[in-house]
Each structure stands twice: as structure tokens, then as C-alpha cells.
PDB file of all heavy atoms in Angstrom:
ATOM      1  N   ILE A   1      14.827  51.800 -14.932  1.00  0.00           N
ATOM      2  CA  ILE A   1      15.146  50.531 -15.546  1.00  0.00           C
ATOM      3  C   ILE A   1      15.018  49.390 -14.545  1.00  0.00           C
ATOM      4  O   ILE A   1      14.468  48.323 -14.810  1.00  0.00           O
ATOM      5  CB  ILE A   1      16.562  50.570 -16.153  1.00  0.00           C
ATOM      6  CG1 ILE A   1      16.613  51.564 -17.305  1.00  0.00           C
ATOM      7  CG2 ILE A   1      17.024  49.163 -16.575  1.00  0.00           C
ATOM      8  CD1 ILE A   1      18.008  51.749 -17.883  1.00  0.00           C
ATOM      9  N   HIS A   2      15.526  49.602 -13.342  1.00  0.00           N
ATOM     10  CA  HIS A   2      15.467  48.574 -12.294  1.00  0.00           C
ATOM     11  C   HIS A   2      14.024  48.272 -11.937  1.00  0.00           C
ATOM     12  O   HIS A   2      13.629  47.110 -11.802  1.00  0.00           O
ATOM     13  CB  HIS A   2      16.225  49.051 -11.060  1.00  0.00           C
ATOM     14  CG  HIS A   2      16.110  48.104  -9.898  1.00  0.00           C
ATOM     15  ND1 HIS A   2      16.780  46.921  -9.832  1.00  0.00           N
ATOM     16  CD2 HIS A   2      15.365  48.187  -8.755  1.00  0.00           C
ATOM     17  CE1 HIS A   2      16.483  46.312  -8.735  1.00  0.00           C
ATOM     18  NE2 HIS A   2      15.619  47.036  -8.036  1.00  0.00           N
ATOM     19  N   PHE A   3      13.185  49.305 -11.838  1.00  0.00           N
ATOM     20  CA  PHE A   3      11.789  49.111 -11.475  1.00  0.00           C
ATOM     21  C   PHE A   3      11.044  48.340 -12.590  1.00  0.00           C
ATOM     22  O   PHE A   3      10.283  47.429 -12.331  1.00  0.00           O
ATOM     23  CB  PHE A   3      11.152  50.487 -11.260  1.00  0.00           C
ATOM     24  CG  PHE A   3       9.671  50.373 -10.905  1.00  0.00           C
ATOM     25  CD1 PHE A   3       9.264  49.991  -9.627  1.00  0.00           C
ATOM     26  CD2 PHE A   3       8.704  50.641 -11.860  1.00  0.00           C
ATOM     27  CE1 PHE A   3       7.928  49.893  -9.330  1.00  0.00           C
ATOM     28  CE2 PHE A   3       7.370  50.533 -11.541  1.00  0.00           C
ATOM     29  CZ  PHE A   3       6.968  50.172 -10.264  1.00  0.00           C
ATOM     30  N   THR A   4      11.356  48.681 -13.840  1.00  0.00           N
ATOM     31  CA  THR A   4      10.709  47.999 -14.968  1.00  0.00           C
ATOM     32  C   THR A   4      11.083  46.540 -15.027  1.00  0.00           C
ATOM     33  O   THR A   4      10.248  45.659 -15.208  1.00  0.00           O
ATOM     34  CB  THR A   4      11.080  48.689 -16.306  1.00  0.00           C
ATOM     35  OG1 THR A   4      10.732  50.046 -16.244  1.00  0.00           O
ATOM     36  CG2 THR A   4      10.381  48.027 -17.460  1.00  0.00           C
ATOM     37  N   GLN A   5      12.372  46.248 -14.828  1.00  0.00           N
ATOM     38  CA  GLN A   5      12.829  44.861 -14.868  1.00  0.00           C
ATOM     39  C   GLN A   5      12.234  44.081 -13.740  1.00  0.00           C
ATOM     40  O   GLN A   5      11.800  42.930 -13.901  1.00  0.00           O
ATOM     41  CB  GLN A   5      14.347  44.810 -14.821  1.00  0.00           C
ATOM     42  CG  GLN A   5      15.016  45.310 -16.063  1.00  0.00           C
ATOM     43  CD  GLN A   5      16.523  45.357 -15.927  1.00  0.00           C
ATOM     44  OE1 GLN A   5      17.062  45.344 -14.822  1.00  0.00           O
ATOM     45  NE2 GLN A   5      17.210  45.369 -17.072  1.00  0.00           N
ATOM     46  N   ALA A   6      12.150  44.701 -12.562  1.00  0.00           N
ATOM     47  CA  ALA A   6      11.606  43.990 -11.394  1.00  0.00           C
ATOM     48  C   ALA A   6      10.138  43.681 -11.617  1.00  0.00           C
ATOM     49  O   ALA A   6       9.639  42.597 -11.286  1.00  0.00           O
ATOM     50  CB  ALA A   6      11.804  44.844 -10.144  1.00  0.00           C
ATOM     51  N   CYS A   7       9.377  44.649 -12.190  1.00  0.00           N
ATOM     52  CA  CYS A   7       7.959  44.403 -12.429  1.00  0.00           C
ATOM     53  C   CYS A   7       7.781  43.307 -13.449  1.00  0.00           C
ATOM     54  O   CYS A   7       6.940  42.436 -13.293  1.00  0.00           O
ATOM     55  CB  CYS A   7       7.286  45.694 -12.962  1.00  0.00           C
ATOM     56  SG  CYS A   7       7.086  46.948 -11.695  1.00  0.00           S
ATOM     57  N   ALA A   8       8.576  43.287 -14.505  1.00  0.00           N
ATOM     58  CA  ALA A   8       8.467  42.233 -15.528  1.00  0.00           C
ATOM     59  C   ALA A   8       8.783  40.878 -14.936  1.00  0.00           C
ATOM     60  O   ALA A   8       8.137  39.882 -15.247  1.00  0.00           O
ATOM     61  CB  ALA A   8       9.416  42.550 -16.688  1.00  0.00           C
ATOM     62  N   TYR A   9       9.748  40.809 -14.068  1.00  0.00           N
ATOM     63  CA  TYR A   9      10.115  39.549 -13.460  1.00  0.00           C
ATOM     64  C   TYR A   9       9.024  38.992 -12.589  1.00  0.00           C
ATOM     65  O   TYR A   9       8.669  37.858 -12.629  1.00  0.00           O
ATOM     66  CB  TYR A   9      11.417  39.744 -12.637  1.00  0.00           C
ATOM     67  CG  TYR A   9      11.909  38.477 -11.951  1.00  0.00           C
ATOM     68  CD1 TYR A   9      12.574  37.517 -12.692  1.00  0.00           C
ATOM     69  CD2 TYR A   9      11.680  38.275 -10.619  1.00  0.00           C
ATOM     70  CE1 TYR A   9      13.018  36.349 -12.095  1.00  0.00           C
ATOM     71  CE2 TYR A   9      12.135  37.096 -10.018  1.00  0.00           C
ATOM     72  CZ  TYR A   9      12.791  36.154 -10.743  1.00  0.00           C
ATOM     73  OH  TYR A   9      13.224  35.015 -10.141  1.00  0.00           O
ATOM     74  N   ARG A  10       8.419  39.896 -11.786  1.00  0.00           N
ATOM     75  CA  ARG A  10       7.324  39.446 -10.919  1.00  0.00           C
ATOM     76  C   ARG A  10       6.131  39.018 -11.737  1.00  0.00           C
ATOM     77  O   ARG A  10       5.466  38.044 -11.429  1.00  0.00           O
ATOM     78  CB  ARG A  10       6.956  40.556  -9.978  1.00  0.00           C
ATOM     79  CG  ARG A  10       7.932  40.796  -8.808  1.00  0.00           C
ATOM     80  CD  ARG A  10       7.300  41.615  -7.709  1.00  0.00           C
ATOM     81  NE  ARG A  10       6.934  42.934  -8.192  1.00  0.00           N
ATOM     82  CZ  ARG A  10       7.737  43.981  -8.094  1.00  0.00           C
ATOM     83  NH1 ARG A  10       8.935  43.851  -7.609  1.00  0.00           N
ATOM     84  NH2 ARG A  10       7.318  45.156  -8.564  1.00  0.00           N
ATOM     85  N   PHE A  11       5.864  39.729 -12.852  1.00  0.00           N
ATOM     86  CA  PHE A  11       4.716  39.386 -13.668  1.00  0.00           C
ATOM     87  C   PHE A  11       4.863  38.006 -14.296  1.00  0.00           C
ATOM     88  O   PHE A  11       3.960  37.229 -14.309  1.00  0.00           O
ATOM     89  CB  PHE A  11       4.551  40.469 -14.745  1.00  0.00           C
ATOM     90  CG  PHE A  11       3.449  40.166 -15.693  1.00  0.00           C
ATOM     91  CD1 PHE A  11       2.114  40.410 -15.355  1.00  0.00           C
ATOM     92  CD2 PHE A  11       3.687  39.620 -16.972  1.00  0.00           C
ATOM     93  CE1 PHE A  11       1.113  40.128 -16.234  1.00  0.00           C
ATOM     94  CE2 PHE A  11       2.676  39.322 -17.849  1.00  0.00           C
ATOM     95  CZ  PHE A  11       1.385  39.589 -17.489  1.00  0.00           C
ATOM     96  N   SER A  12       6.088  37.708 -14.814  1.00  0.00           N
ATOM     97  CA  SER A  12       6.302  36.430 -15.441  1.00  0.00           C
ATOM     98  C   SER A  12       6.177  35.290 -14.455  1.00  0.00           C
ATOM     99  O   SER A  12       5.754  34.200 -14.783  1.00  0.00           O
ATOM    100  CB  SER A  12       7.709  36.402 -16.133  1.00  0.00           C
ATOM    101  OG  SER A  12       8.713  36.538 -15.156  1.00  0.00           O
ATOM    102  N   ASN A  13       6.587  35.532 -13.201  1.00  0.00           N
ATOM    103  CA  ASN A  13       6.501  34.471 -12.199  1.00  0.00           C
ATOM    104  C   ASN A  13       5.060  34.213 -11.829  1.00  0.00           C
ATOM    105  O   ASN A  13       4.661  33.052 -11.661  1.00  0.00           O
ATOM    106  CB  ASN A  13       7.275  34.896 -10.952  1.00  0.00           C
ATOM    107  CG  ASN A  13       8.678  34.330 -10.940  1.00  0.00           C
ATOM    108  OD1 ASN A  13       9.069  33.680 -11.883  1.00  0.00           O
ATOM    109  ND2 ASN A  13       9.446  34.636  -9.915  1.00  0.00           N
ATOM    110  N   THR A  14       4.271  35.229 -11.671  1.00  0.00           N
ATOM    111  CA  THR A  14       2.869  35.002 -11.262  1.00  0.00           C
ATOM    112  C   THR A  14       2.087  34.370 -12.404  1.00  0.00           C
ATOM    113  O   THR A  14       1.092  33.706 -12.143  1.00  0.00           O
ATOM    114  CB  THR A  14       2.218  36.356 -10.840  1.00  0.00           C
ATOM    115  OG1 THR A  14       2.368  37.265 -11.940  1.00  0.00           O
ATOM    116  CG2 THR A  14       2.855  36.913  -9.617  1.00  0.00           C
ATOM    117  N   ALA A  15       2.502  34.602 -13.638  1.00  0.00           N
ATOM    118  CA  ALA A  15       1.765  34.015 -14.768  1.00  0.00           C
ATOM    119  C   ALA A  15       1.985  32.529 -14.896  1.00  0.00           C
ATOM    120  O   ALA A  15       1.114  31.808 -15.371  1.00  0.00           O
ATOM    121  CB  ALA A  15       2.202  34.715 -16.064  1.00  0.00           C
ATOM    122  N   MET A  16       3.142  32.028 -14.461  1.00  0.00           N
ATOM    123  CA  MET A  16       3.487  30.611 -14.634  1.00  0.00           C
ATOM    124  C   MET A  16       3.083  29.857 -13.369  1.00  0.00           C
ATOM    125  O   MET A  16       3.912  29.651 -12.479  1.00  0.00           O
ATOM    126  CB  MET A  16       4.969  30.477 -14.920  1.00  0.00           C
ATOM    127  CG  MET A  16       5.402  31.224 -16.174  1.00  0.00           C
ATOM    128  SD  MET A  16       4.518  30.680 -17.642  1.00  0.00           S
ATOM    129  CE  MET A  16       5.195  29.052 -17.841  1.00  0.00           C
ATOM    130  N   GLN A  17       1.820  29.480 -13.251  1.00  0.00           N
ATOM    131  CA  GLN A  17       1.339  28.739 -12.091  1.00  0.00           C
ATOM    132  C   GLN A  17       0.546  27.509 -12.543  1.00  0.00           C
ATOM    133  O   GLN A  17      -0.033  27.480 -13.608  1.00  0.00           O
ATOM    134  CB  GLN A  17       0.430  29.620 -11.212  1.00  0.00           C
ATOM    135  CG  GLN A  17       1.149  30.802 -10.580  1.00  0.00           C
ATOM    136  CD  GLN A  17       0.248  31.631  -9.693  1.00  0.00           C
ATOM    137  OE1 GLN A  17      -0.884  31.222  -9.438  1.00  0.00           O
ATOM    138  NE2 GLN A  17       0.723  32.765  -9.264  1.00  0.00           N
ATOM    139  N   ALA A  18       0.542  26.518 -11.701  1.00  0.00           N
ATOM    140  CA  ALA A  18      -0.224  25.300 -11.978  1.00  0.00           C
ATOM    141  C   ALA A  18      -1.722  25.589 -11.790  1.00  0.00           C
ATOM    142  O   ALA A  18      -2.096  26.521 -11.065  1.00  0.00           O
ATOM    143  CB  ALA A  18       0.224  24.191 -11.041  1.00  0.00           C
ATOM    144  N   PRO A  19      -2.599  24.824 -12.438  1.00  0.00           N
ATOM    145  CA  PRO A  19      -4.047  24.974 -12.188  1.00  0.00           C
ATOM    146  C   PRO A  19      -4.379  24.832 -10.732  1.00  0.00           C
ATOM    147  O   PRO A  19      -3.758  24.116  -9.981  1.00  0.00           O
ATOM    148  CB  PRO A  19      -4.642  23.842 -13.044  1.00  0.00           C
ATOM    149  CG  PRO A  19      -3.642  23.597 -14.112  1.00  0.00           C
ATOM    150  CD  PRO A  19      -2.321  23.825 -13.472  1.00  0.00           C
ATOM    151  N   LEU A  20      -5.437  25.521 -10.322  1.00  0.00           N
ATOM    152  CA  LEU A  20      -5.831  25.559  -8.912  1.00  0.00           C
ATOM    153  C   LEU A  20      -6.114  24.170  -8.392  1.00  0.00           C
ATOM    154  O   LEU A  20      -6.838  23.380  -9.041  1.00  0.00           O
ATOM    155  CB  LEU A  20      -7.062  26.449  -8.782  1.00  0.00           C
ATOM    156  CG  LEU A  20      -7.464  26.838  -7.345  1.00  0.00           C
ATOM    157  CD1 LEU A  20      -6.406  27.691  -6.704  1.00  0.00           C
ATOM    158  CD2 LEU A  20      -8.805  27.575  -7.369  1.00  0.00           C
ATOM    159  N   GLY A  21      -5.597  23.832  -7.261  1.00  0.00           N
ATOM    160  CA  GLY A  21      -5.856  22.524  -6.636  1.00  0.00           C
ATOM    161  C   GLY A  21      -4.890  21.421  -7.087  1.00  0.00           C
ATOM    162  O   GLY A  21      -4.978  20.328  -6.564  1.00  0.00           O
ATOM    163  N   ILE A  22      -4.008  21.693  -8.035  1.00  0.00           N
ATOM    164  CA  ILE A  22      -3.080  20.712  -8.524  1.00  0.00           C
ATOM    165  C   ILE A  22      -1.715  20.982  -7.878  1.00  0.00           C
ATOM    166  O   ILE A  22      -1.072  22.006  -8.152  1.00  0.00           O
ATOM    167  CB  ILE A  22      -2.939  20.753 -10.040  1.00  0.00           C
ATOM    168  CG1 ILE A  22      -4.324  20.581 -10.716  1.00  0.00           C
ATOM    169  CG2 ILE A  22      -1.962  19.698 -10.566  1.00  0.00           C
ATOM    170  CD1 ILE A  22      -5.004  19.276 -10.383  1.00  0.00           C
ATOM    171  N   ARG A  23      -1.297  20.079  -6.995  1.00  0.00           N
ATOM    172  CA  ARG A  23      -0.019  20.238  -6.302  1.00  0.00           C
ATOM    173  C   ARG A  23       0.961  19.125  -6.659  1.00  0.00           C
ATOM    174  O   ARG A  23       2.157  19.287  -6.520  1.00  0.00           O
ATOM    175  CB  ARG A  23      -0.231  20.265  -4.779  1.00  0.00           C
ATOM    176  CG  ARG A  23      -1.070  21.467  -4.318  1.00  0.00           C
ATOM    177  CD  ARG A  23      -1.248  21.466  -2.820  1.00  0.00           C
ATOM    178  NE  ARG A  23      -2.042  22.604  -2.367  1.00  0.00           N
ATOM    179  CZ  ARG A  23      -3.350  22.648  -2.316  1.00  0.00           C
ATOM    180  NH1 ARG A  23      -4.061  21.584  -2.738  1.00  0.00           N
ATOM    181  NH2 ARG A  23      -3.999  23.715  -1.923  1.00  0.00           N
ATOM    182  N   THR A  24       0.469  17.963  -7.077  1.00  0.00           N
ATOM    183  CA  THR A  24       1.291  16.842  -7.464  1.00  0.00           C
ATOM    184  C   THR A  24       0.863  16.306  -8.809  1.00  0.00           C
ATOM    185  O   THR A  24      -0.309  16.391  -9.174  1.00  0.00           O
ATOM    186  CB  THR A  24       1.181  15.700  -6.395  1.00  0.00           C
ATOM    187  OG1 THR A  24      -0.175  15.310  -6.259  1.00  0.00           O
ATOM    188  CG2 THR A  24       1.717  16.157  -5.025  1.00  0.00           C
ATOM    189  N   ILE A  25       1.812  15.795  -9.548  1.00  0.00           N
ATOM    190  CA  ILE A  25       1.543  15.271 -10.854  1.00  0.00           C
ATOM    191  C   ILE A  25       2.303  13.965 -11.091  1.00  0.00           C
ATOM    192  O   ILE A  25       3.453  13.855 -10.656  1.00  0.00           O
ATOM    193  CB  ILE A  25       1.852  16.315 -11.960  1.00  0.00           C
ATOM    194  CG1 ILE A  25       1.359  15.863 -13.347  1.00  0.00           C
ATOM    195  CG2 ILE A  25       3.366  16.626 -11.995  1.00  0.00           C
ATOM    196  CD1 ILE A  25       1.404  16.960 -14.390  1.00  0.00           C
ATOM    197  N   ALA A  26       1.702  13.048 -11.770  1.00  0.00           N
ATOM    198  CA  ALA A  26       2.326  11.790 -12.186  1.00  0.00           C
ATOM    199  C   ALA A  26       2.532  11.810 -13.696  1.00  0.00           C
ATOM    200  O   ALA A  26       1.653  12.314 -14.409  1.00  0.00           O
ATOM    201  CB  ALA A  26       1.500  10.596 -11.772  1.00  0.00           C
ATOM    202  N   ILE A  27       3.625  11.266 -14.166  1.00  0.00           N
ATOM    203  CA  ILE A  27       3.942  11.233 -15.587  1.00  0.00           C
ATOM    204  C   ILE A  27       3.903   9.770 -16.003  1.00  0.00           C
ATOM    205  O   ILE A  27       4.719   8.958 -15.619  1.00  0.00           O
ATOM    206  CB  ILE A  27       5.337  11.809 -15.915  1.00  0.00           C
ATOM    207  CG1 ILE A  27       5.588  13.126 -15.173  1.00  0.00           C
ATOM    208  CG2 ILE A  27       5.486  11.993 -17.424  1.00  0.00           C
ATOM    209  CD1 ILE A  27       4.593  14.223 -15.484  1.00  0.00           C
ATOM    210  N   GLU A  28       2.885   9.418 -16.801  1.00  0.00           N
ATOM    211  CA  GLU A  28       2.738   8.048 -17.240  1.00  0.00           C
ATOM    212  C   GLU A  28       3.824   7.699 -18.294  1.00  0.00           C
ATOM    213  O   GLU A  28       4.254   8.534 -19.042  1.00  0.00           O
ATOM    214  CB  GLU A  28       1.346   7.857 -17.835  1.00  0.00           C
ATOM    215  CG  GLU A  28       0.934   6.386 -18.044  1.00  0.00           C
ATOM    216  CD  GLU A  28      -0.520   6.260 -18.411  1.00  0.00           C
ATOM    217  OE1 GLU A  28      -0.863   6.713 -19.517  1.00  0.00           O
ATOM    218  OE2 GLU A  28      -1.307   5.717 -17.598  1.00  0.00           O
ATOM    219  N   ALA A  29       4.208   6.440 -18.322  1.00  0.00           N
ATOM    220  CA  ALA A  29       5.213   5.995 -19.285  1.00  0.00           C
ATOM    221  C   ALA A  29       4.716   6.278 -20.702  1.00  0.00           C
ATOM    222  O   ALA A  29       3.513   6.257 -20.980  1.00  0.00           O
ATOM    223  CB  ALA A  29       5.496   4.532 -19.100  1.00  0.00           C
ATOM    224  N   VAL A  30       5.633   6.542 -21.600  1.00  0.00           N
ATOM    225  CA  VAL A  30       5.272   6.924 -22.967  1.00  0.00           C
ATOM    226  C   VAL A  30       4.538   5.775 -23.663  1.00  0.00           C
ATOM    227  O   VAL A  30       4.972   4.615 -23.662  1.00  0.00           O
ATOM    228  CB  VAL A  30       6.550   7.268 -23.788  1.00  0.00           C
ATOM    229  CG1 VAL A  30       6.211   7.579 -25.212  1.00  0.00           C
ATOM    230  CG2 VAL A  30       7.267   8.457 -23.135  1.00  0.00           C
ATOM    231  N   TYR A  31       3.378   6.153 -24.248  1.00  0.00           N
ATOM    232  CA  TYR A  31       2.597   5.196 -25.038  1.00  0.00           C
ATOM    233  C   TYR A  31       3.045   5.335 -26.511  1.00  0.00           C
ATOM    234  O   TYR A  31       2.770   6.379 -27.153  1.00  0.00           O
ATOM    235  CB  TYR A  31       1.098   5.477 -24.896  1.00  0.00           C
ATOM    236  CG  TYR A  31       0.198   4.633 -25.723  1.00  0.00           C
ATOM    237  CD1 TYR A  31       0.297   3.237 -25.675  1.00  0.00           C
ATOM    238  CD2 TYR A  31      -0.781   5.197 -26.536  1.00  0.00           C
ATOM    239  CE1 TYR A  31      -0.560   2.448 -26.452  1.00  0.00           C
ATOM    240  CE2 TYR A  31      -1.638   4.418 -27.293  1.00  0.00           C
ATOM    241  CZ  TYR A  31      -1.513   3.042 -27.240  1.00  0.00           C
ATOM    242  OH  TYR A  31      -2.359   2.236 -27.998  1.00  0.00           O
ATOM    243  N   ASP A  32       3.757   4.384 -27.008  1.00  0.00           N
ATOM    244  CA  ASP A  32       4.415   4.470 -28.320  1.00  0.00           C
ATOM    245  C   ASP A  32       3.682   3.632 -29.347  1.00  0.00           C
ATOM    246  O   ASP A  32       3.657   2.411 -29.284  1.00  0.00           O
ATOM    247  CB  ASP A  32       5.874   3.994 -28.185  1.00  0.00           C
ATOM    248  CG  ASP A  32       6.708   4.221 -29.456  1.00  0.00           C
ATOM    249  OD1 ASP A  32       6.100   4.671 -30.461  1.00  0.00           O
ATOM    250  OD2 ASP A  32       7.897   3.954 -29.421  1.00  0.00           O
ATOM    251  N   THR A  33       3.095   4.336 -30.317  1.00  0.00           N
ATOM    252  CA  THR A  33       2.427   3.653 -31.433  1.00  0.00           C
ATOM    253  C   THR A  33       3.136   3.898 -32.742  1.00  0.00           C
ATOM    254  O   THR A  33       2.607   3.606 -33.827  1.00  0.00           O
ATOM    255  CB  THR A  33       0.954   4.101 -31.548  1.00  0.00           C
ATOM    256  OG1 THR A  33       0.907   5.527 -31.720  1.00  0.00           O
ATOM    257  CG2 THR A  33       0.167   3.718 -30.338  1.00  0.00           C
ATOM    258  N   SER A  34       4.344   4.451 -32.678  1.00  0.00           N
ATOM    259  CA  SER A  34       5.141   4.672 -33.884  1.00  0.00           C
ATOM    260  C   SER A  34       5.734   3.355 -34.314  1.00  0.00           C
ATOM    261  O   SER A  34       5.748   2.353 -33.584  1.00  0.00           O
ATOM    262  CB  SER A  34       6.242   5.697 -33.648  1.00  0.00           C
ATOM    263  OG  SER A  34       7.224   5.167 -32.755  1.00  0.00           O
ATOM    264  N   ARG A  35       6.294   3.347 -35.510  1.00  0.00           N
ATOM    265  CA  ARG A  35       6.895   2.120 -36.046  1.00  0.00           C
ATOM    266  C   ARG A  35       8.416   2.177 -36.075  1.00  0.00           C
ATOM    267  O   ARG A  35       9.046   1.386 -36.731  1.00  0.00           O
ATOM    268  CB  ARG A  35       6.364   1.851 -37.435  1.00  0.00           C
ATOM    269  CG  ARG A  35       4.851   1.574 -37.471  1.00  0.00           C
ATOM    270  CD  ARG A  35       4.372   1.144 -38.846  1.00  0.00           C
ATOM    271  NE  ARG A  35       2.951   0.812 -38.838  1.00  0.00           N
ATOM    272  CZ  ARG A  35       2.310   0.361 -39.875  1.00  0.00           C
ATOM    273  NH1 ARG A  35       2.922   0.156 -41.049  1.00  0.00           N
ATOM    274  NH2 ARG A  35       0.986   0.100 -39.800  1.00  0.00           N
ATOM    275  N   GLU A  36       8.975   3.164 -35.354  1.00  0.00           N
ATOM    276  CA  GLU A  36      10.442   3.278 -35.290  1.00  0.00           C
ATOM    277  C   GLU A  36      10.902   2.822 -33.896  1.00  0.00           C
ATOM    278  O   GLU A  36      10.208   3.007 -32.875  1.00  0.00           O
ATOM    279  CB  GLU A  36      10.840   4.750 -35.522  1.00  0.00           C
ATOM    280  CG  GLU A  36      10.612   5.207 -36.928  1.00  0.00           C
ATOM    281  CD  GLU A  36      11.682   4.682 -37.895  1.00  0.00           C
ATOM    282  OE1 GLU A  36      12.650   4.062 -37.418  1.00  0.00           O
ATOM    283  OE2 GLU A  36      11.527   4.885 -39.123  1.00  0.00           O
ATOM    284  N   VAL A  37      12.112   2.304 -33.893  1.00  0.00           N
ATOM    285  CA  VAL A  37      12.722   1.912 -32.592  1.00  0.00           C
ATOM    286  C   VAL A  37      13.413   3.149 -32.070  1.00  0.00           C
ATOM    287  O   VAL A  37      14.516   3.484 -32.444  1.00  0.00           O
ATOM    288  CB  VAL A  37      13.733   0.769 -32.764  1.00  0.00           C
ATOM    289  CG1 VAL A  37      14.344   0.381 -31.422  1.00  0.00           C
ATOM    290  CG2 VAL A  37      13.070  -0.449 -33.411  1.00  0.00           C
ATOM    291  N   ILE A  38      12.711   3.838 -31.123  1.00  0.00           N
ATOM    292  CA  ILE A  38      13.203   5.073 -30.582  1.00  0.00           C
ATOM    293  C   ILE A  38      13.337   4.911 -29.061  1.00  0.00           C
ATOM    294  O   ILE A  38      12.467   4.328 -28.411  1.00  0.00           O
ATOM    295  CB  ILE A  38      12.185   6.229 -30.858  1.00  0.00           C
ATOM    296  CG1 ILE A  38      12.096   6.533 -32.355  1.00  0.00           C
ATOM    297  CG2 ILE A  38      12.570   7.508 -30.083  1.00  0.00           C
ATOM    298  CD1 ILE A  38      13.342   7.176 -32.921  1.00  0.00           C
ATOM    299  N   PRO A  39      14.431   5.419 -28.462  1.00  0.00           N
ATOM    300  CA  PRO A  39      14.575   5.344 -27.003  1.00  0.00           C
ATOM    301  C   PRO A  39      13.648   6.366 -26.319  1.00  0.00           C
ATOM    302  O   PRO A  39      14.070   7.366 -25.783  1.00  0.00           O
ATOM    303  CB  PRO A  39      16.055   5.653 -26.763  1.00  0.00           C
ATOM    304  CG  PRO A  39      16.453   6.492 -27.943  1.00  0.00           C
ATOM    305  CD  PRO A  39      15.633   5.988 -29.096  1.00  0.00           C
ATOM    306  N   HIS A  40      12.312   6.071 -26.344  1.00  0.00           N
ATOM    307  CA  HIS A  40      11.357   7.013 -25.829  1.00  0.00           C
ATOM    308  C   HIS A  40      11.410   7.210 -24.330  1.00  0.00           C
ATOM    309  O   HIS A  40      10.791   8.137 -23.782  1.00  0.00           O
ATOM    310  CB  HIS A  40       9.920   6.601 -26.254  1.00  0.00           C
ATOM    311  CG  HIS A  40       9.567   5.225 -25.877  1.00  0.00           C
ATOM    312  ND1 HIS A  40       9.349   4.253 -26.809  1.00  0.00           N
ATOM    313  CD2 HIS A  40       9.381   4.615 -24.667  1.00  0.00           C
ATOM    314  CE1 HIS A  40       9.053   3.117 -26.178  1.00  0.00           C
ATOM    315  NE2 HIS A  40       9.080   3.319 -24.903  1.00  0.00           N
ATOM    316  N   GLU A  41      12.138   6.336 -23.616  1.00  0.00           N
ATOM    317  CA  GLU A  41      12.282   6.561 -22.174  1.00  0.00           C
ATOM    318  C   GLU A  41      13.032   7.832 -21.873  1.00  0.00           C
ATOM    319  O   GLU A  41      12.906   8.409 -20.772  1.00  0.00           O
ATOM    320  CB  GLU A  41      12.986   5.367 -21.539  1.00  0.00           C
ATOM    321  CG  GLU A  41      14.465   5.222 -21.898  1.00  0.00           C
ATOM    322  CD  GLU A  41      14.683   4.487 -23.231  1.00  0.00           C
ATOM    323  OE1 GLU A  41      13.691   4.138 -23.905  1.00  0.00           O
ATOM    324  OE2 GLU A  41      15.887   4.275 -23.571  1.00  0.00           O
ATOM    325  N   LEU A  42      13.804   8.336 -22.843  1.00  0.00           N
ATOM    326  CA  LEU A  42      14.492   9.588 -22.663  1.00  0.00           C
ATOM    327  C   LEU A  42      13.507  10.750 -22.568  1.00  0.00           C
ATOM    328  O   LEU A  42      13.734  11.692 -21.816  1.00  0.00           O
ATOM    329  CB  LEU A  42      15.463   9.832 -23.821  1.00  0.00           C
ATOM    330  CG  LEU A  42      16.627   8.825 -23.969  1.00  0.00           C
ATOM    331  CD1 LEU A  42      17.427   9.108 -25.237  1.00  0.00           C
ATOM    332  CD2 LEU A  42      17.516   8.835 -22.736  1.00  0.00           C
TER     333      LEU A  42
END
């Protein structure tokens, strides 16, 4: 059981990686074209 859990944990970690060469990312402010007053900064 311990070996199976450890393997599954390592597998899930290696699967979740950023695309090659991408180390930093910028998040642009929300572009809002809806017609509702929503606190999209959240």
C-alpha cells in the first residue's frame, strides 16, 4: 500500500508541470465585456 501510494504521488507531481521554457507568467487585468457590475478584480 505504501509503495502504491508513493508511486501515485510521484506520478501526479511529474504530470503537473509548466510548458517547457516557461518559468514566469504575468496575469493581465480582467477584460470585462459583460453588462453586469461584478467585482472582477477578485
